[in-house]
PDB file of N, CA and C in Angstrom:
ATOM      1  N   MET A   1       6.564  10.621 -21.068  1.00  0.00           N
ATOM      2  CA  MET A   1       7.586  11.580 -20.669  1.00  0.00           C
ATOM      3  C   MET A   1       8.760  11.443 -21.623  1.00  0.00           C
ATOM      4  N   SER A   2       9.393  12.545 -21.984  1.00  0.00           N
ATOM      5  CA  SER A   2      10.515  12.504 -22.907  1.00  0.00           C
ATOM      6  C   SER A   2      11.730  11.859 -22.247  1.00  0.00           C
ATOM      7  N   ASP A   3      12.646  11.423 -23.102  1.00  0.00           N
ATOM      8  CA  ASP A   3      13.859  10.777 -22.594  1.00  0.00           C
ATOM      9  C   ASP A   3      14.685  11.725 -21.727  1.00  0.00           C
ATOM     10  N   THR A   4      14.775  12.994 -22.130  1.00  0.00           N
ATOM     11  CA  THR A   4      15.549  13.954 -21.343  1.00  0.00           C
ATOM     12  C   THR A   4      14.865  14.254 -20.017  1.00  0.00           C
ATOM     13  N   GLY A   5      13.535  14.323 -20.036  1.00  0.00           N
ATOM     14  CA  GLY A   5      12.786  14.545 -18.791  1.00  0.00           C
ATOM     15  C   GLY A   5      12.951  13.377 -17.843  1.00  0.00           C
ATOM     16  N   THR A   6      12.893  12.167 -18.394  1.00  0.00           N
ATOM     17  CA  THR A   6      13.083  10.961 -17.580  1.00  0.00           C
ATOM     18  C   THR A   6      14.494  10.918 -17.022  1.00  0.00           C
ATOM     19  N   ALA A   7      15.465  11.252 -17.856  1.00  0.00           N
ATOM     20  CA  ALA A   7      16.859  11.237 -17.418  1.00  0.00           C
ATOM     21  C   ALA A   7      17.093  12.245 -16.294  1.00  0.00           C
ATOM     22  N   ARG A   8      16.490  13.427 -16.434  1.00  0.00           N
ATOM     23  CA  ARG A   8      16.637  14.446 -15.387  1.00  0.00           C
ATOM     24  C   ARG A   8      15.999  14.001 -14.076  1.00  0.00           C
ATOM     25  N   LEU A   9      14.819  13.396 -14.187  1.00  0.00           N
ATOM     26  CA  LEU A   9      14.120  12.926 -13.000  1.00  0.00           C
ATOM     27  C   LEU A   9      14.905  11.811 -12.317  1.00  0.00           C
ATOM     28  N   LYS A  10      15.437  10.884 -13.112  1.00  0.00           N
ATOM     29  CA  LYS A  10      16.244   9.798 -12.557  1.00  0.00           C
ATOM     30  C   LYS A  10      17.505  10.349 -11.888  1.00  0.00           C
ATOM     31  N   GLN A  11      18.121  11.360 -12.499  1.00  0.00           N
ATOM     32  CA  GLN A  11      19.316  11.973 -11.924  1.00  0.00           C
ATOM     33  C   GLN A  11      18.983  12.664 -10.593  1.00  0.00           C
ATOM     34  N   LYS A  12      17.857  13.340 -10.556  1.00  0.00           N
ATOM     35  CA  LYS A  12      17.426  14.022  -9.332  1.00  0.00           C
ATOM     36  C   LYS A  12      17.148  13.005  -8.218  1.00  0.00           C
ATOM     37  N   LEU A  13      16.454  11.914  -8.570  1.00  0.00           N
ATOM     38  CA  LEU A  13      16.177  10.866  -7.586  1.00  0.00           C
ATOM     39  C   LEU A  13      17.464  10.201  -7.117  1.00  0.00           C
ATOM     40  N   ASP A  14      18.381   9.964  -8.043  1.00  0.00           N
ATOM     41  CA  ASP A  14      19.663   9.356  -7.691  1.00  0.00           C
ATOM     42  C   ASP A  14      20.427  10.247  -6.701  1.00  0.00           C
ATOM     43  N   SER A  15      20.356  11.549  -6.922  1.00  0.00           N
ATOM     44  CA  SER A  15      21.003  12.500  -6.016  1.00  0.00           C
ATOM     45  C   SER A  15      20.367  12.450  -4.626  1.00  0.00           C
ATOM     46  N   LYS A  16      19.049  12.380  -4.570  1.00  0.00           N
ATOM     47  CA  LYS A  16      18.343  12.312  -3.280  1.00  0.00           C
ATOM     48  C   LYS A  16      18.639  10.992  -2.563  1.00  0.00           C
ATOM     49  N   ILE A  17      18.745   9.896  -3.322  1.00  0.00           N
ATOM     50  CA  ILE A  17      19.073   8.600  -2.727  1.00  0.00           C
ATOM     51  C   ILE A  17      20.477   8.642  -2.127  1.00  0.00           C
ATOM     52  N   THR A  18      21.416   9.228  -2.859  1.00  0.00           N
ATOM     53  CA  THR A  18      22.783   9.370  -2.351  1.00  0.00           C
ATOM     54  C   THR A  18      22.803  10.222  -1.088  1.00  0.00           C
ATOM     55  N   GLU A  19      22.021  11.284  -1.078  1.00  0.00           N
ATOM     56  CA  GLU A  19      21.920  12.158   0.094  1.00  0.00           C
ATOM     57  C   GLU A  19      21.417  11.372   1.308  1.00  0.00           C
ATOM     58  N   GLN A  20      20.418  10.528   1.112  1.00  0.00           N
ATOM     59  CA  GLN A  20      19.880   9.720   2.210  1.00  0.00           C
ATOM     60  C   GLN A  20      20.909   8.697   2.702  1.00  0.00           C
ATOM     61  N   LYS A  21      21.688   8.117   1.778  1.00  0.00           N
ATOM     62  CA  LYS A  21      22.736   7.167   2.174  1.00  0.00           C
ATOM     63  C   LYS A  21      23.788   7.848   3.037  1.00  0.00           C
ATOM     64  N   VAL A  22      24.193   9.046   2.642  1.00  0.00           N
ATOM     65  CA  VAL A  22      25.180   9.804   3.419  1.00  0.00           C
ATOM     66  C   VAL A  22      24.608  10.148   4.784  1.00  0.00           C
ATOM     67  N   LEU A  23      23.355  10.583   4.824  1.00  0.00           N
ATOM     68  CA  LEU A  23      22.696  10.919   6.085  1.00  0.00           C
ATOM     69  C   LEU A  23      22.660   9.714   7.020  1.00  0.00           C
ATOM     70  N   GLN A  24      22.301   8.550   6.480  1.00  0.00           N
ATOM     71  CA  GLN A  24      22.241   7.334   7.295  1.00  0.00           C
ATOM     72  C   GLN A  24      23.629   6.952   7.817  1.00  0.00           C
ATOM     73  N   ASP A  25      24.647   7.065   6.978  1.00  0.00           N
ATOM     74  CA  ASP A  25      26.010   6.765   7.423  1.00  0.00           C
ATOM     75  C   ASP A  25      26.456   7.710   8.534  1.00  0.00           C
ATOM     76  N   GLU A  26      26.110   8.983   8.396  1.00  0.00           N
ATOM     77  CA  GLU A  26      26.452   9.962   9.435  1.00  0.00           C
ATOM     78  C   GLU A  26      25.731   9.649  10.747  1.00  0.00           C
ATOM     79  N   MET A  27      24.462   9.281  10.663  1.00  0.00           N
ATOM     80  CA  MET A  27      23.701   8.980  11.880  1.00  0.00           C
ATOM     81  C   MET A  27      24.177   7.697  12.550  1.00  0.00           C
ATOM     82  N   LYS A  28      24.720   6.769  11.770  1.00  0.00           N
ATOM     83  CA  LYS A  28      25.252   5.534  12.354  1.00  0.00           C
ATOM     84  C   LYS A  28      26.470   5.812  13.224  1.00  0.00           C
ATOM     85  N   SER A  29      27.178   6.904  12.931  1.00  0.00           N
ATOM     86  CA  SER A  29      28.379   7.223  13.706  1.00  0.00           C
ATOM     87  C   SER A  29      28.057   7.929  15.023  1.00  0.00           C
ATOM     88  N   ILE A  30      26.817   8.350  15.192  1.00  0.00           N
ATOM     89  CA  ILE A  30      26.386   9.015  16.430  1.00  0.00           C
ATOM     90  C   ILE A  30      25.932   7.948  17.419  1.00  0.00           C
ATOM     91  N   ARG A  31      26.204   8.185  18.693  1.00  0.00           N
ATOM     92  CA  ARG A  31      25.840   7.185  19.707  1.00  0.00           C
ATOM     93  C   ARG A  31      24.330   6.985  19.779  1.00  0.00           C
ATOM     94  N   LYS A  32      23.935   5.778  20.160  1.00  0.00           N
ATOM     95  CA  LYS A  32      22.511   5.451  20.302  1.00  0.00           C
ATOM     96  C   LYS A  32      21.867   6.366  21.337  1.00  0.00           C
ATOM     97  N   GLY A  33      20.654   6.776  21.067  1.00  0.00           N
ATOM     98  CA  GLY A  33      19.919   7.600  22.019  1.00  0.00           C
ATOM     99  C   GLY A  33      20.302   9.070  21.993  1.00  0.00           C
ATOM    100  N   ALA A  34      21.226   9.448  21.114  1.00  0.00           N
ATOM    101  CA  ALA A  34      21.634  10.854  21.040  1.00  0.00           C
ATOM    102  C   ALA A  34      20.475  11.696  20.515  1.00  0.00           C
ATOM    103  N   ARG A  35      20.483  12.958  20.874  1.00  0.00           N
ATOM    104  CA  ARG A  35      19.455  13.884  20.411  1.00  0.00           C
ATOM    105  C   ARG A  35      20.022  14.664  19.223  1.00  0.00           C
ATOM    106  N   VAL A  36      19.225  14.855  18.222  1.00  0.00           N
ATOM    107  CA  VAL A  36      19.628  15.605  17.039  1.00  0.00           C
ATOM    108  C   VAL A  36      18.523  16.599  16.695  1.00  0.00           C
ATOM    109  N   TYR A  37      18.858  17.544  15.862  1.00  0.00           N
ATOM    110  CA  TYR A  37      17.867  18.500  15.393  1.00  0.00           C
ATOM    111  C   TYR A  37      17.482  18.166  13.967  1.00  0.00           C
ATOM    112  N   ARG A  38      16.199  18.283  13.673  1.00  0.00           N
ATOM    113  CA  ARG A  38      15.670  18.047  12.334  1.00  0.00           C
ATOM    114  C   ARG A  38      15.073  19.356  11.850  1.00  0.00           C
ATOM    115  N   GLN A  39      15.458  19.759  10.637  1.00  0.00           N
ATOM    116  CA  GLN A  39      14.939  21.002  10.080  1.00  0.00           C
ATOM    117  C   GLN A  39      13.573  20.769   9.462  1.00  0.00           C
ATOM    118  N   GLN A  40      12.651  21.632   9.790  1.00  0.00           N
ATOM    119  CA  GLN A  40      11.327  21.580   9.191  1.00  0.00           C
ATOM    120  C   GLN A  40      11.471  21.881   7.701  1.00  0.00           C
ATOM    121  N   GLN A  41      10.836  21.069   6.875  1.00  0.00           N
ATOM    122  CA  GLN A  41      10.947  21.228   5.440  1.00  0.00           C
ATOM    123  C   GLN A  41      10.493  22.611   5.001  1.00  0.00           C
ATOM    124  N   ASN A  42      11.266  23.227   4.131  1.00  0.00           N
ATOM    125  CA  ASN A  42      10.975  24.543   3.557  1.00  0.00           C
ATOM    126  C   ASN A  42      10.913  25.663   4.590  1.00  0.00           C
ATOM    127  N   SER A  43      11.667  25.525   5.682  1.00  0.00           N
ATOM    128  CA  SER A  43      11.723  26.613   6.659  1.00  0.00           C
ATOM    129  C   SER A  43      13.044  26.528   7.424  1.00  0.00           C
ATOM    130  N   ASN A  44      13.240  27.480   8.300  1.00  0.00           N
ATOM    131  CA  ASN A  44      14.446  27.492   9.125  1.00  0.00           C
ATOM    132  C   ASN A  44      14.162  27.043  10.548  1.00  0.00           C
ATOM    133  N   ILE A  45      13.050  26.369  10.759  1.00  0.00           N
ATOM    134  CA  ILE A  45      12.668  25.918  12.090  1.00  0.00           C
ATOM    135  C   ILE A  45      13.276  24.542  12.348  1.00  0.00           C
ATOM    136  N   LEU A  46      13.888  24.371  13.523  1.00  0.00           N
ATOM    137  CA  LEU A  46      14.507  23.102  13.902  1.00  0.00           C
ATOM    138  C   LEU A  46      13.726  22.472  15.049  1.00  0.00           C
ATOM    139  N   PHE A  47      13.611  21.142  15.008  1.00  0.00           N
ATOM    140  CA  PHE A  47      12.928  20.405  16.055  1.00  0.00           C
ATOM    141  C   PHE A  47      13.875  19.376  16.653  1.00  0.00           C
ATOM    142  N   LEU A  48      13.832  19.226  17.961  1.00  0.00           N
ATOM    143  CA  LEU A  48      14.646  18.238  18.645  1.00  0.00           C
ATOM    144  C   LEU A  48      14.060  16.851  18.407  1.00  0.00           C
ATOM    145  N   SER A  49      14.931  15.906  18.088  1.00  0.00           N
ATOM    146  CA  SER A  49      14.502  14.551  17.792  1.00  0.00           C
ATOM    147  C   SER A  49      15.584  13.585  18.267  1.00  0.00           C
ATOM    148  N   SER A  50      15.360  12.294  18.083  1.00  0.00           N
ATOM    149  CA  SER A  50      16.376  11.307  18.440  1.00  0.00           C
ATOM    150  C   SER A  50      16.973  10.700  17.174  1.00  0.00           C
ATOM    151  N   VAL A  51      18.166  10.151  17.291  1.00  0.00           N
ATOM    152  CA  VAL A  51      18.824   9.516  16.156  1.00  0.00           C
ATOM    153  C   VAL A  51      17.972   8.366  15.640  1.00  0.00           C
ATOM    154  N   ASP A  52      17.406   7.584  16.549  1.00  0.00           N
ATOM    155  CA  ASP A  52      16.589   6.438  16.148  1.00  0.00           C
ATOM    156  C   ASP A  52      15.377   6.871  15.325  1.00  0.00           C
ATOM    157  N   THR A  53      14.715   7.923  15.758  1.00  0.00           N
ATOM    158  CA  THR A  53      13.548   8.431  15.042  1.00  0.00           C
ATOM    159  C   THR A  53      13.934   8.927  13.654  1.00  0.00           C
ATOM    160  N   GLU A  54      15.027   9.665  13.591  1.00  0.00           N
ATOM    161  CA  GLU A  54      15.459  10.216  12.309  1.00  0.00           C
ATOM    162  C   GLU A  54      15.996   9.133  11.378  1.00  0.00           C
ATOM    163  N   MET A  55      16.610   8.089  11.938  1.00  0.00           N
ATOM    164  CA  MET A  55      17.088   6.980  11.117  1.00  0.00           C
ATOM    165  C   MET A  55      15.889   6.256  10.494  1.00  0.00           C
ATOM    166  N   ALA A  56      14.848   6.040  11.274  1.00  0.00           N
ATOM    167  CA  ALA A  56      13.638   5.397  10.761  1.00  0.00           C
ATOM    168  C   ALA A  56      13.000   6.260   9.674  1.00  0.00           C
ATOM    169  N   ARG A  57      12.955   7.548   9.899  1.00  0.00           N
ATOM    170  CA  ARG A  57      12.390   8.473   8.911  1.00  0.00           C
ATOM    171  C   ARG A  57      13.213   8.456   7.623  1.00  0.00           C
ATOM    172  N   SER A  58      14.531   8.415   7.767  1.00  0.00           N
ATOM    173  CA  SER A  58      15.412   8.382   6.607  1.00  0.00           C
ATOM    174  C   SER A  58      15.245   7.083   5.815  1.00  0.00           C
ATOM    175  N   LYS A  59      15.104   5.970   6.532  1.00  0.00           N
ATOM    176  CA  LYS A  59      14.909   4.684   5.851  1.00  0.00           C
ATOM    177  C   LYS A  59      13.596   4.677   5.077  1.00  0.00           C
ATOM    178  N   LYS A  60      12.557   5.249   5.668  1.00  0.00           N
ATOM    179  CA  LYS A  60      11.253   5.313   4.999  1.00  0.00           C
ATOM    180  C   LYS A  60      11.358   6.180   3.740  1.00  0.00           C
ATOM    181  N   THR A  61      12.042   7.303   3.856  1.00  0.00           N
ATOM    182  CA  THR A  61      12.249   8.190   2.715  1.00  0.00           C
ATOM    183  C   THR A  61      13.048   7.480   1.633  1.00  0.00           C
ATOM    184  N   MET A  62      14.099   6.769   2.054  1.00  0.00           N
ATOM    185  CA  MET A  62      14.951   6.045   1.111  1.00  0.00           C
ATOM    186  C   MET A  62      14.141   4.985   0.369  1.00  0.00           C
ATOM    187  N   ASP A  63      13.294   4.250   1.085  1.00  0.00           N
ATOM    188  CA  ASP A  63      12.468   3.219   0.459  1.00  0.00           C
ATOM    189  C   ASP A  63      11.538   3.819  -0.596  1.00  0.00           C
ATOM    190  N   SER A  64      10.936   4.952  -0.275  1.00  0.00           N
ATOM    191  CA  SER A  64      10.012   5.566  -1.230  1.00  0.00           C
ATOM    192  C   SER A  64      10.766   6.109  -2.448  1.00  0.00           C
ATOM    193  N   LEU A  65      11.965   6.652  -2.241  1.00  0.00           N
ATOM    194  CA  LEU A  65      12.764   7.147  -3.363  1.00  0.00           C
ATOM    195  C   LEU A  65      13.195   6.006  -4.284  1.00  0.00           C
ATOM    196  N   VAL A  66      13.636   4.896  -3.690  1.00  0.00           N
ATOM    197  CA  VAL A  66      14.055   3.738  -4.482  1.00  0.00           C
ATOM    198  C   VAL A  66      12.868   3.181  -5.262  1.00  0.00           C
ATOM    199  N   GLU A  67      11.717   3.122  -4.627  1.00  0.00           N
ATOM    200  CA  GLU A  67      10.515   2.624  -5.292  1.00  0.00           C
ATOM    201  C   GLU A  67      10.135   3.524  -6.472  1.00  0.00           C
ATOM    202  N   GLU A  68      10.211   4.827  -6.260  1.00  0.00           N
ATOM    203  CA  GLU A  68       9.901   5.777  -7.330  1.00  0.00           C
ATOM    204  C   GLU A  68      10.895   5.633  -8.483  1.00  0.00           C
ATOM    205  N   TYR A  69      12.165   5.445  -8.152  1.00  0.00           N
ATOM    206  CA  TYR A  69      13.205   5.260  -9.163  1.00  0.00           C
ATOM    207  C   TYR A  69      12.927   4.001  -9.989  1.00  0.00           C
ATOM    208  N   LYS A  70      12.561   2.919  -9.308  1.00  0.00           N
ATOM    209  CA  LYS A  70      12.241   1.664 -10.011  1.00  0.00           C
ATOM    210  C   LYS A  70      11.028   1.837 -10.926  1.00  0.00           C
ATOM    211  N   ASP A  71      10.019   2.560 -10.461  1.00  0.00           N
ATOM    212  CA  ASP A  71       8.832   2.806 -11.276  1.00  0.00           C
ATOM    213  C   ASP A  71       9.187   3.570 -12.550  1.00  0.00           C
ATOM    214  N   ILE A  72      10.059   4.553 -12.416  1.00  0.00           N
ATOM    215  CA  ILE A  72      10.468   5.346 -13.575  1.00  0.00           C
ATOM    216  C   ILE A  72      11.251   4.473 -14.550  1.00  0.00           C
ATOM    217  N   GLU A  73      12.133   3.637 -14.029  1.00  0.00           N
ATOM    218  CA  GLU A  73      12.881   2.725 -14.896  1.00  0.00           C
ATOM    219  C   GLU A  73      11.938   1.781 -15.627  1.00  0.00           C
ATOM    220  N   LYS A  74      10.936   1.284 -14.907  1.00  0.00           N
ATOM    221  CA  LYS A  74       9.976   0.355 -15.498  1.00  0.00           C
ATOM    222  C   LYS A  74       9.188   1.052 -16.607  1.00  0.00           C
ATOM    223  N   GLN A  75       8.757   2.292 -16.351  1.00  0.00           N
ATOM    224  CA  GLN A  75       7.990   3.038 -17.337  1.00  0.00           C
ATOM    225  C   GLN A  75       8.836   3.372 -18.561  1.00  0.00           C
ATOM    226  N   SER A  76      10.073   3.757 -18.330  1.00  0.00           N
ATOM    227  CA  SER A  76      10.940   4.099 -19.471  1.00  0.00           C
ATOM    228  C   SER A  76      11.288   2.855 -20.269  1.00  0.00           C
ATOM    229  N   GLY A  77      11.349   1.704 -19.608  1.00  0.00           N
ATOM    230  CA  GLY A  77      11.594   0.436 -20.309  1.00  0.00           C
ATOM    231  C   GLY A  77      10.406   0.046 -21.166  1.00  0.00           C
ATOM    232  N   GLN A  78       9.204   0.280 -20.659  1.00  0.00           N
ATOM    233  CA  GLN A  78       7.991  -0.041 -21.418  1.00  0.00           C
ATOM    234  C   GLN A  78       7.824   0.907 -22.599  1.00  0.00           C
ATOM    235  N   ALA A  79       8.139   2.181 -22.394  1.00  0.00           N
ATOM    236  CA  ALA A  79       8.007   3.158 -23.468  1.00  0.00           C
ATOM    237  C   ALA A  79       9.013   2.868 -24.579  1.00  0.00           C
ATOM    238  N   GLY A  80      10.184   2.380 -24.217  1.00  0.00           N
ATOM    239  CA  GLY A  80      11.197   2.064 -25.211  1.00  0.00           C
ATOM    240  C   GLY A  80      10.821   0.851 -26.037  1.00  0.00           C
ATOM    241  N   GLY A  81       9.960  -0.021 -25.519  1.00  0.00           N
ATOM    242  CA  GLY A  81       9.579  -1.234 -26.219  1.00  0.00           C
ATOM    243  C   GLY A  81       8.434  -1.024 -27.190  1.00  0.00           C
ATOM    244  N   ARG A  82       7.828   0.154 -27.208  1.00  0.00           N
ATOM    245  CA  ARG A  82       6.669   0.416 -28.079  1.00  0.00           C
ATOM    246  C   ARG A  82       7.073   0.681 -29.503  1.00  0.00           C
TER     247      ARG A  82
END
C-alpha cells in the first residue's frame, strides 16, 4: 500500500477510535441500566437497547479498531525497512 493510502487509512481509523472514545465517555455519564437507542448501520432504523449493552459493543468495536491500527503500523514499519 502506498504511503498516502496508509496515511489516509490510519487517519480514518484514528477518527473512528476518537469517535468511540467520545461515545464511551458520553455513555459513562448516563445512569446504569438506562435505555438508549442504537441506530441500525446504514439506515434510519433505531432499536431500543441498554447502556451496558452498548458500552460492551463500543468496547469491542474499539478493540478491533485499535488492533487494525496496530496492524497497519506494523505493516508500514516492515515496508519501510525493505
